[in-house]
C-alpha atoms as a PDB file:
ATOM      1  CA  UNK A   1      72.524 106.892 137.787  1.00  0.00           C
ATOM      2  CA  UNK A   2      73.421 110.237 136.486  1.00  0.00           C
ATOM      3  CA  UNK A   3      76.027 110.036 133.987  1.00  0.00           C
ATOM      4  CA  UNK A   4      77.452 114.064 133.046  1.00  0.00           C
ATOM      5  CA  UNK A   5      75.068 116.989 134.019  1.00  0.00           C
ATOM      6  CA  UNK A   6      75.658 119.873 131.209  1.00  0.00           C
ATOM      7  CA  UNK A   7      73.595 123.070 131.243  1.00  0.00           C
ATOM      8  CA  UNK A   8      73.588 125.566 128.435  1.00  0.00           C
ATOM      9  CA  UNK A   9      71.282 128.483 127.272  1.00  0.00           C
ATOM     10  CA  UNK A  10      68.479 126.974 125.339  1.00  0.00           C
ATOM     11  CA  UNK A  11      67.693 128.947 121.647  1.00  0.00           C
ATOM     12  CA  UNK A  12      65.832 128.389 119.025  1.00  0.00           C
ATOM     13  CA  UNK A  13      67.308 125.437 117.783  1.00  0.00           C
ATOM     14  CA  UNK A  14      66.092 123.609 120.925  1.00  0.00           C
ATOM     15  CA  UNK A  15      62.540 124.293 120.488  1.00  0.00           C
ATOM     16  CA  UNK A  16      61.091 120.986 119.693  1.00  0.00           C
ATOM     17  CA  UNK A  17      63.181 119.886 123.001  1.00  0.00           C
ATOM     18  CA  UNK A  18      62.148 122.426 125.105  1.00  0.00           C
ATOM     19  CA  UNK A  19      57.903 121.802 124.041  1.00  0.00           C
ATOM     20  CA  UNK A  20      58.382 118.220 125.172  1.00  0.00           C
ATOM     21  CA  UNK A  21      60.115 118.759 128.089  1.00  0.00           C
ATOM     22  CA  UNK A  22      57.892 121.567 129.213  1.00  0.00           C
ATOM     23  CA  UNK A  23      54.699 119.844 128.474  1.00  0.00           C
ATOM     24  CA  UNK A  24      56.066 116.420 130.349  1.00  0.00           C
ATOM     25  CA  UNK A  25      57.385 118.219 132.970  1.00  0.00           C
ATOM     26  CA  UNK A  26      54.130 120.398 133.644  1.00  0.00           C
ATOM     27  CA  UNK A  27      52.088 117.619 133.503  1.00  0.00           C
ATOM     28  CA  UNK A  28      53.844 115.231 135.755  1.00  0.00           C
ATOM     29  CA  UNK A  29      53.819 118.032 138.384  1.00  0.00           C
ATOM     30  CA  UNK A  30      50.307 119.505 138.220  1.00  0.00           C
ATOM     31  CA  UNK A  31      47.984 117.030 136.230  1.00  0.00           C
ATOM     32  CA  UNK A  32      47.193 115.102 139.286  1.00  0.00           C
ATOM     33  CA  UNK A  33      45.741 117.959 141.188  1.00  0.00           C
ATOM     34  CA  UNK A  34      43.916 119.530 138.398  1.00  0.00           C
ATOM     35  CA  UNK A  35      41.796 118.778 135.726  1.00  0.00           C
ATOM     36  CA  UNK A  36      42.357 117.131 132.347  1.00  0.00           C
ATOM     37  CA  UNK A  37      40.793 120.036 130.811  1.00  0.00           C
ATOM     38  CA  UNK A  38      42.469 123.270 132.643  1.00  0.00           C
ATOM     39  CA  UNK A  39      45.434 121.518 132.118  1.00  0.00           C
ATOM     40  CA  UNK A  40      44.822 120.576 128.238  1.00  0.00           C
ATOM     41  CA  UNK A  41      44.110 124.106 127.856  1.00  0.00           C
ATOM     42  CA  UNK A  42      46.675 125.319 129.420  1.00  0.00           C
ATOM     43  CA  UNK A  43      49.325 123.266 127.820  1.00  0.00           C
ATOM     44  CA  UNK A  44      47.448 124.021 124.373  1.00  0.00           C
ATOM     45  CA  UNK A  45      47.739 127.862 125.264  1.00  0.00           C
ATOM     46  CA  UNK A  46      51.305 127.941 127.005  1.00  0.00           C
ATOM     47  CA  UNK A  47      53.394 125.239 126.241  1.00  0.00           C
ATOM     48  CA  UNK A  48      52.563 125.352 122.524  1.00  0.00           C
ATOM     49  CA  UNK A  49      55.480 125.514 119.432  1.00  0.00           C
ATOM     50  CA  UNK A  50      54.192 129.084 118.629  1.00  0.00           C
ATOM     51  CA  UNK A  51      54.298 130.217 122.475  1.00  0.00           C
ATOM     52  CA  UNK A  52      57.640 129.075 123.082  1.00  0.00           C
ATOM     53  CA  UNK A  53      59.368 129.845 119.783  1.00  0.00           C
ATOM     54  CA  UNK A  54      58.151 133.235 120.800  1.00  0.00           C
ATOM     55  CA  UNK A  55      59.653 133.376 124.498  1.00  0.00           C
ATOM     56  CA  UNK A  56      62.784 131.981 122.895  1.00  0.00           C
ATOM     57  CA  UNK A  57      62.779 134.717 121.005  1.00  0.00           C
ATOM     58  CA  UNK A  58      62.007 137.617 123.394  1.00  0.00           C
ATOM     59  CA  UNK A  59      65.542 138.875 124.671  1.00  0.00           C
ATOM     60  CA  UNK A  60      63.826 139.832 128.498  1.00  0.00           C
ATOM     61  CA  UNK A  61      64.103 135.420 128.761  1.00  0.00           C
ATOM     62  CA  UNK A  62      66.769 133.794 129.147  1.00  0.00           C
ATOM     63  CA  UNK A  63      65.843 129.532 128.879  1.00  0.00           C
ATOM     64  CA  UNK A  64      68.492 127.222 130.506  1.00  0.00           C
ATOM     65  CA  UNK A  65      68.488 123.348 129.495  1.00  0.00           C
ATOM     66  CA  UNK A  66      70.426 120.665 131.797  1.00  0.00           C
ATOM     67  CA  UNK A  67      70.949 117.809 129.887  1.00  0.00           C
ATOM     68  CA  UNK A  68      72.397 113.932 130.912  1.00  0.00           C
ATOM     69  CA  UNK A  69      75.191 113.244 128.509  1.00  0.00           C
ATOM     70  CA  UNK A  70      72.482 113.890 124.989  1.00  0.00           C
ATOM     71  CA  UNK A  71      69.076 113.702 127.047  1.00  0.00           C
ATOM     72  CA  UNK A  72      67.469 116.746 127.887  1.00  0.00           C
ATOM     73  CA  UNK A  73      66.216 116.170 131.644  1.00  0.00           C
ATOM     74  CA  UNK A  74      65.287 120.218 133.001  1.00  0.00           C
ATOM     75  CA  UNK A  75      65.087 123.344 132.068  1.00  0.00           C
ATOM     76  CA  UNK A  76      64.836 126.948 133.843  1.00  0.00           C
ATOM     77  CA  UNK A  77      63.225 129.817 132.165  1.00  0.00           C
ATOM     78  CA  UNK A  78      64.164 133.424 133.389  1.00  0.00           C
ATOM     79  CA  UNK A  79      62.889 136.663 132.868  1.00  0.00           C
ATOM     80  CA  UNK A  80      63.373 140.034 133.371  1.00  0.00           C
ATOM     81  CA  UNK A  81      59.651 141.746 132.518  1.00  0.00           C
ATOM     82  CA  UNK A  82      57.041 141.828 134.208  1.00  0.00           C
ATOM     83  CA  UNK A  83      58.458 143.061 137.607  1.00  0.00           C
ATOM     84  CA  UNK A  84      55.309 143.234 140.479  1.00  0.00           C
ATOM     85  CA  UNK A  85      55.205 146.477 142.289  1.00  0.00           C
ATOM     86  CA  UNK A  86      57.169 145.260 145.114  1.00  0.00           C
ATOM     87  CA  UNK A  87      60.587 144.607 143.645  1.00  0.00           C
ATOM     88  CA  UNK A  88      59.893 148.181 141.906  1.00  0.00           C
ATOM     89  CA  UNK A  89      62.687 150.256 143.310  1.00  0.00           C
ATOM     90  CA  UNK A  90      65.091 146.814 142.495  1.00  0.00           C
ATOM     91  CA  UNK A  91      67.427 145.102 139.816  1.00  0.00           C
ATOM     92  CA  UNK A  92      65.011 141.289 139.899  1.00  0.00           C
ATOM     93  CA  UNK A  93      65.221 138.797 137.970  1.00  0.00           C
ATOM     94  CA  UNK A  94      62.366 136.031 138.086  1.00  0.00           C
ATOM     95  CA  UNK A  95      62.833 132.550 137.856  1.00  0.00           C
ATOM     96  CA  UNK A  96      59.819 131.703 135.706  1.00  0.00           C
ATOM     97  CA  UNK A  97      60.122 128.305 135.254  1.00  0.00           C
ATOM     98  CA  UNK A  98      62.263 125.386 137.023  1.00  0.00           C
ATOM     99  CA  UNK A  99      61.126 121.799 135.773  1.00  0.00           C
ATOM    100  CA  UNK A 100      62.931 118.535 135.894  1.00  0.00           C
ATOM    101  CA  UNK A 101      61.975 115.057 134.547  1.00  0.00           C
ATOM    102  CA  UNK A 102      60.155 113.274 136.897  1.00  0.00           C
ATOM    103  CA  UNK A 103      62.469 110.333 136.836  1.00  0.00           C
ATOM    104  CA  UNK A 104      65.250 112.885 137.875  1.00  0.00           C
ATOM    105  CA  UNK A 105      63.885 113.889 140.743  1.00  0.00           C
ATOM    106  CA  UNK A 106      65.466 113.160 143.879  1.00  0.00           C
ATOM    107  CA  UNK A 107      69.094 113.697 141.728  1.00  0.00           C
ATOM    108  CA  UNK A 108      69.785 116.937 142.712  1.00  0.00           C
ATOM    109  CA  UNK A 109      69.107 118.090 139.551  1.00  0.00           C
ATOM    110  CA  UNK A 110      66.706 120.607 140.335  1.00  0.00           C
ATOM    111  CA  UNK A 111      69.308 122.087 142.820  1.00  0.00           C
ATOM    112  CA  UNK A 112      71.962 122.365 140.172  1.00  0.00           C
ATOM    113  CA  UNK A 113      69.785 123.956 137.859  1.00  0.00           C
ATOM    114  CA  UNK A 114      68.660 126.452 140.660  1.00  0.00           C
ATOM    115  CA  UNK A 115      73.141 126.730 141.146  1.00  0.00           C
ATOM    116  CA  UNK A 116      73.332 128.122 137.773  1.00  0.00           C
ATOM    117  CA  UNK A 117      70.420 130.673 137.781  1.00  0.00           C
ATOM    118  CA  UNK A 118      71.453 131.715 141.173  1.00  0.00           C
ATOM    119  CA  UNK A 119      74.971 132.501 139.382  1.00  0.00           C
ATOM    120  CA  UNK A 120      73.230 133.928 136.212  1.00  0.00           C
ATOM    121  CA  UNK A 121      71.737 136.037 138.626  1.00  0.00           C
ATOM    122  CA  UNK A 122      74.460 137.255 140.706  1.00  0.00           C
ATOM    123  CA  UNK A 123      77.276 137.722 137.560  1.00  0.00           C
ATOM    124  CA  UNK A 124      74.664 139.658 135.803  1.00  0.00           C
ATOM    125  CA  UNK A 125      74.608 142.366 138.560  1.00  0.00           C
ATOM    126  CA  UNK A 126      70.536 141.562 139.762  1.00  0.00           C
ATOM    127  CA  UNK A 127      70.018 142.294 143.091  1.00  0.00           C
ATOM    128  CA  UNK A 128      66.903 139.853 143.494  1.00  0.00           C
ATOM    129  CA  UNK A 129      65.842 136.475 142.604  1.00  0.00           C
ATOM    130  CA  UNK A 130      61.969 136.019 142.564  1.00  0.00           C
ATOM    131  CA  UNK A 131      59.887 133.591 141.528  1.00  0.00           C
ATOM    132  CA  UNK A 132      55.853 132.722 141.622  1.00  0.00           C
ATOM    133  CA  UNK A 133      55.235 129.092 143.423  1.00  0.00           C
ATOM    134  CA  UNK A 134      51.813 127.636 143.820  1.00  0.00           C
ATOM    135  CA  UNK A 135      50.171 128.085 147.233  1.00  0.00           C
ATOM    136  CA  UNK A 136      49.459 124.133 146.641  1.00  0.00           C
ATOM    137  CA  UNK A 137      53.086 123.108 146.267  1.00  0.00           C
ATOM    138  CA  UNK A 138      54.242 122.538 149.846  1.00  0.00           C
ATOM    139  CA  UNK A 139      57.925 120.617 149.098  1.00  0.00           C
ATOM    140  CA  UNK A 140      58.708 123.654 146.285  1.00  0.00           C
ATOM    141  CA  UNK A 141      58.121 126.220 149.302  1.00  0.00           C
ATOM    142  CA  UNK A 142      60.377 124.644 151.620  1.00  0.00           C
ATOM    143  CA  UNK A 143      62.734 123.943 149.342  1.00  0.00           C
ATOM    144  CA  UNK A 144      63.340 127.754 148.388  1.00  0.00           C
ATOM    145  CA  UNK A 145      63.038 128.593 152.141  1.00  0.00           C
ATOM    146  CA  UNK A 146      66.174 126.414 152.160  1.00  0.00           C
ATOM    147  CA  UNK A 147      67.734 128.208 149.846  1.00  0.00           C
ATOM    148  CA  UNK A 148      67.019 131.482 151.486  1.00  0.00           C
ATOM    149  CA  UNK A 149      63.788 132.752 149.883  1.00  0.00           C
ATOM    150  CA  UNK A 150      61.228 134.353 151.518  1.00  0.00           C
ATOM    151  CA  UNK A 151      57.254 135.079 151.338  1.00  0.00           C
ATOM    152  CA  UNK A 152      56.933 138.374 149.810  1.00  0.00           C
ATOM    153  CA  UNK A 153      53.184 138.639 148.259  1.00  0.00           C
ATOM    154  CA  UNK A 154      50.675 136.773 145.741  1.00  0.00           C
ATOM    155  CA  UNK A 155      49.264 137.052 142.708  1.00  0.00           C
ATOM    156  CA  UNK A 156      46.805 135.066 140.251  1.00  0.00           C
ATOM    157  CA  UNK A 157      47.668 132.298 138.122  1.00  0.00           C
ATOM    158  CA  UNK A 158      45.422 130.946 135.546  1.00  0.00           C
ATOM    159  CA  UNK A 159      45.516 127.605 135.041  1.00  0.00           C
ATOM    160  CA  UNK A 160      42.847 126.692 132.287  1.00  0.00           C
ATOM    161  CA  UNK A 161      39.858 128.252 133.492  1.00  0.00           C
ATOM    162  CA  UNK A 162      40.840 128.076 136.864  1.00  0.00           C
ATOM    163  CA  UNK A 163      42.200 130.718 139.009  1.00  0.00           C
ATOM    164  CA  UNK A 164      44.440 129.685 141.422  1.00  0.00           C
ATOM    165  CA  UNK A 165      47.285 131.840 143.635  1.00  0.00           C
ATOM    166  CA  UNK A 166      51.456 131.853 143.508  1.00  0.00           C
ATOM    167  CA  UNK A 167      52.698 132.857 146.604  1.00  0.00           C
ATOM    168  CA  UNK A 168      56.022 134.973 145.634  1.00  0.00           C
ATOM    169  CA  UNK A 169      59.372 134.785 147.149  1.00  0.00           C
ATOM    170  CA  UNK A 170      62.224 136.325 146.890  1.00  0.00           C
ATOM    171  CA  UNK A 171      65.991 136.360 147.412  1.00  0.00           C
ATOM    172  CA  UNK A 172      68.358 139.020 147.954  1.00  0.00           C
ATOM    173  CA  UNK A 173      71.497 138.609 145.958  1.00  0.00           C
ATOM    174  CA  UNK A 174      75.017 140.173 146.502  1.00  0.00           C
ATOM    175  CA  UNK A 175      78.273 139.778 144.462  1.00  0.00           C
ATOM    176  CA  UNK A 176      79.481 137.940 146.922  1.00  0.00           C
ATOM    177  CA  UNK A 177      76.808 135.283 147.559  1.00  0.00           C
ATOM    178  CA  UNK A 178      78.396 131.513 147.834  1.00  0.00           C
ATOM    179  CA  UNK A 179      76.090 128.968 145.540  1.00  0.00           C
ATOM    180  CA  UNK A 180      75.414 126.133 148.131  1.00  0.00           C
ATOM    181  CA  UNK A 181      72.499 124.228 146.425  1.00  0.00           C
ATOM    182  CA  UNK A 182      74.803 121.090 145.614  1.00  0.00           C
ATOM    183  CA  UNK A 183      77.077 121.096 148.652  1.00  0.00           C
END
């Protein structure tokens, strides 16, 4: 049962919680479909204390952590770097990661976190919100399509030693966008 959700901009003071949350949610989401060796390699390289500290300190990144009372139950990472060529003539912001603890799935926390990301993008004056999602994650693709995201390309994603494909999706934004993911 959800008690009280809050979302805050995560900073370096949240590093230990962010590392733990990142490893747990990524392993839960993708571990069953990948080898242990690839998962271990990816997590050691991409979700380490050092790597996430550097990401938190990079001014082109924005981390938002959602809590149920005091427990961190999910997070999102947005960034304004590494823009795909197809979006070069726009002012885009990416949702690079959005994850919720498995015990909190189907409780609309992902939708609340997405609302926050959309509001952040609109308030920041961005005109495109984009993301990459694993091509073998149809549930997530459908979720994003329901929110108005459309496919626009793909890119490679290296998970350990396994080259995978992420489909790229975008959503056009305007100052008058209504945020409706939780209704």
